[in-house]
Amino acid sequence: PVFNVKRFAEHASLDGFFLAIEAEDSKFDRDKTRAFLQGLGAREVNDIEP
């Protein structure tokens, strides 16, 4: 599914780094995870639907 996101498919191998986080854990919190990644300086955070 990550390759369905246009920017990911175009840039993941060129930029040299990407991170995928599975949301199946019962303790997962989408908003907190997004805020954490943005606080680390993430250029972009995308939700991927299966």
N, C-alpha and C. Protein backbone atom coordinates (compact mmCIF):
# COMPACT_ATOMS: atom_id res chain seq x y z
N PRO A 1 0.79 -1.22 0.00
CA PRO A 1 0.00 0.00 0.00
C PRO A 1 0.84 1.29 0.00
N VAL A 2 2.06 1.27 0.57
CA VAL A 2 2.83 2.51 0.62
C VAL A 2 3.16 3.03 -0.77
N PHE A 3 3.28 2.14 -1.74
CA PHE A 3 3.61 2.58 -3.09
C PHE A 3 2.42 3.24 -3.79
N ASN A 4 1.25 3.21 -3.17
CA ASN A 4 0.08 3.91 -3.72
C ASN A 4 0.13 5.41 -3.42
N VAL A 5 1.02 5.83 -2.52
CA VAL A 5 1.21 7.25 -2.22
C VAL A 5 2.23 7.78 -3.22
N LYS A 6 1.79 8.69 -4.07
CA LYS A 6 2.61 9.16 -5.18
C LYS A 6 3.99 9.66 -4.74
N ARG A 7 4.03 10.54 -3.73
CA ARG A 7 5.33 11.09 -3.30
C ARG A 7 6.24 9.99 -2.76
N PHE A 8 5.68 9.01 -2.09
CA PHE A 8 6.50 7.91 -1.59
C PHE A 8 7.10 7.13 -2.75
N ALA A 9 6.26 6.76 -3.68
CA ALA A 9 6.72 5.97 -4.82
C ALA A 9 7.78 6.71 -5.63
N GLU A 10 7.67 8.02 -5.71
CA GLU A 10 8.61 8.81 -6.50
C GLU A 10 9.91 9.12 -5.76
N HIS A 11 9.87 9.21 -4.42
CA HIS A 11 11.02 9.75 -3.70
C HIS A 11 11.67 8.82 -2.68
N ALA A 12 11.02 7.76 -2.26
CA ALA A 12 11.55 6.94 -1.17
C ALA A 12 12.96 6.45 -1.45
N SER A 13 13.20 5.91 -2.61
CA SER A 13 14.54 5.40 -2.89
C SER A 13 15.53 6.51 -3.24
N LEU A 14 15.05 7.65 -3.69
CA LEU A 14 15.93 8.77 -4.01
C LEU A 14 16.41 9.50 -2.76
N ASP A 15 15.50 9.69 -1.82
CA ASP A 15 15.84 10.40 -0.59
C ASP A 15 16.65 9.53 0.36
N GLY A 16 16.56 8.23 0.20
CA GLY A 16 17.39 7.31 0.97
C GLY A 16 16.83 6.88 2.31
N PHE A 17 15.68 7.38 2.74
CA PHE A 17 15.15 7.00 4.04
C PHE A 17 13.64 7.16 4.08
N PHE A 18 12.99 6.18 4.67
CA PHE A 18 11.57 6.30 4.97
C PHE A 18 11.28 5.44 6.18
N LEU A 19 10.18 5.70 6.83
CA LEU A 19 9.79 4.98 8.03
C LEU A 19 8.32 4.61 7.89
N ALA A 20 8.01 3.35 8.10
CA ALA A 20 6.62 2.89 8.08
C ALA A 20 6.28 2.40 9.48
N ILE A 21 5.17 2.86 10.02
CA ILE A 21 4.71 2.46 11.35
C ILE A 21 3.37 1.77 11.20
N GLU A 22 3.30 0.54 11.69
CA GLU A 22 2.05 -0.22 11.65
C GLU A 22 1.10 0.30 12.72
N ALA A 23 -0.16 0.41 12.41
CA ALA A 23 -1.15 0.97 13.34
C ALA A 23 -2.00 -0.10 14.02
N GLU A 24 -1.60 -1.35 13.95
CA GLU A 24 -2.43 -2.43 14.50
C GLU A 24 -2.32 -2.56 16.02
N ASP A 25 -1.29 -2.01 16.63
CA ASP A 25 -1.09 -2.09 18.07
C ASP A 25 -2.22 -1.35 18.79
N SER A 26 -2.77 -1.94 19.84
CA SER A 26 -3.88 -1.30 20.56
C SER A 26 -3.46 0.01 21.23
N LYS A 27 -2.17 0.20 21.47
CA LYS A 27 -1.67 1.43 22.09
C LYS A 27 -1.33 2.51 21.07
N PHE A 28 -1.46 2.20 19.80
CA PHE A 28 -1.15 3.17 18.75
C PHE A 28 -2.11 4.35 18.82
N ASP A 29 -1.57 5.55 18.73
CA ASP A 29 -2.37 6.78 18.70
C ASP A 29 -1.90 7.59 17.50
N ARG A 30 -2.74 7.68 16.49
CA ARG A 30 -2.39 8.34 15.23
C ARG A 30 -1.94 9.78 15.44
N ASP A 31 -2.69 10.54 16.22
CA ASP A 31 -2.36 11.96 16.42
C ASP A 31 -1.05 12.14 17.18
N LYS A 32 -0.84 11.34 18.22
CA LYS A 32 0.40 11.45 18.99
C LYS A 32 1.60 11.02 18.16
N THR A 33 1.42 9.99 17.35
CA THR A 33 2.52 9.52 16.50
C THR A 33 2.87 10.58 15.46
N ARG A 34 1.86 11.17 14.85
CA ARG A 34 2.09 12.24 13.86
C ARG A 34 2.81 13.42 14.51
N ALA A 35 2.36 13.84 15.69
CA ALA A 35 2.98 14.97 16.38
C ALA A 35 4.43 14.64 16.75
N PHE A 36 4.69 13.41 17.18
CA PHE A 36 6.04 12.99 17.53
C PHE A 36 6.96 13.08 16.32
N LEU A 37 6.51 12.53 15.19
CA LEU A 37 7.33 12.54 13.98
C LEU A 37 7.56 13.96 13.48
N GLN A 38 6.54 14.79 13.53
CA GLN A 38 6.70 16.18 13.12
C GLN A 38 7.65 16.92 14.05
N GLY A 39 7.61 16.59 15.34
CA GLY A 39 8.51 17.19 16.30
C GLY A 39 9.97 16.82 16.04
N LEU A 40 10.18 15.67 15.41
CA LEU A 40 11.52 15.23 15.04
C LEU A 40 12.00 15.87 13.73
N GLY A 41 11.09 16.60 13.07
CA GLY A 41 11.46 17.27 11.83
C GLY A 41 11.08 16.53 10.57
N ALA A 42 10.10 15.63 10.67
CA ALA A 42 9.66 14.89 9.48
C ALA A 42 9.24 15.86 8.39
N ARG A 43 9.69 15.60 7.18
CA ARG A 43 9.29 16.44 6.04
C ARG A 43 7.83 16.24 5.69
N GLU A 44 7.40 15.00 5.84
CA GLU A 44 6.03 14.67 5.45
C GLU A 44 5.58 13.45 6.23
N VAL A 45 4.33 13.44 6.66
CA VAL A 45 3.75 12.29 7.35
C VAL A 45 2.45 11.97 6.62
N ASN A 46 2.33 10.73 6.13
CA ASN A 46 1.15 10.32 5.38
C ASN A 46 0.49 9.13 6.04
N ASP A 47 -0.84 9.11 6.02
CA ASP A 47 -1.58 7.93 6.44
C ASP A 47 -1.78 7.06 5.22
N ILE A 48 -1.54 5.77 5.38
CA ILE A 48 -1.68 4.82 4.28
C ILE A 48 -2.82 3.87 4.63
N GLU A 49 -3.81 3.81 3.80
CA GLU A 49 -4.92 2.88 4.02
C GLU A 49 -4.67 1.62 3.20
N PRO A 50 -4.96 0.45 3.80
CA PRO A 50 -4.72 -0.81 3.06
C PRO A 50 -5.64 -0.97 1.87
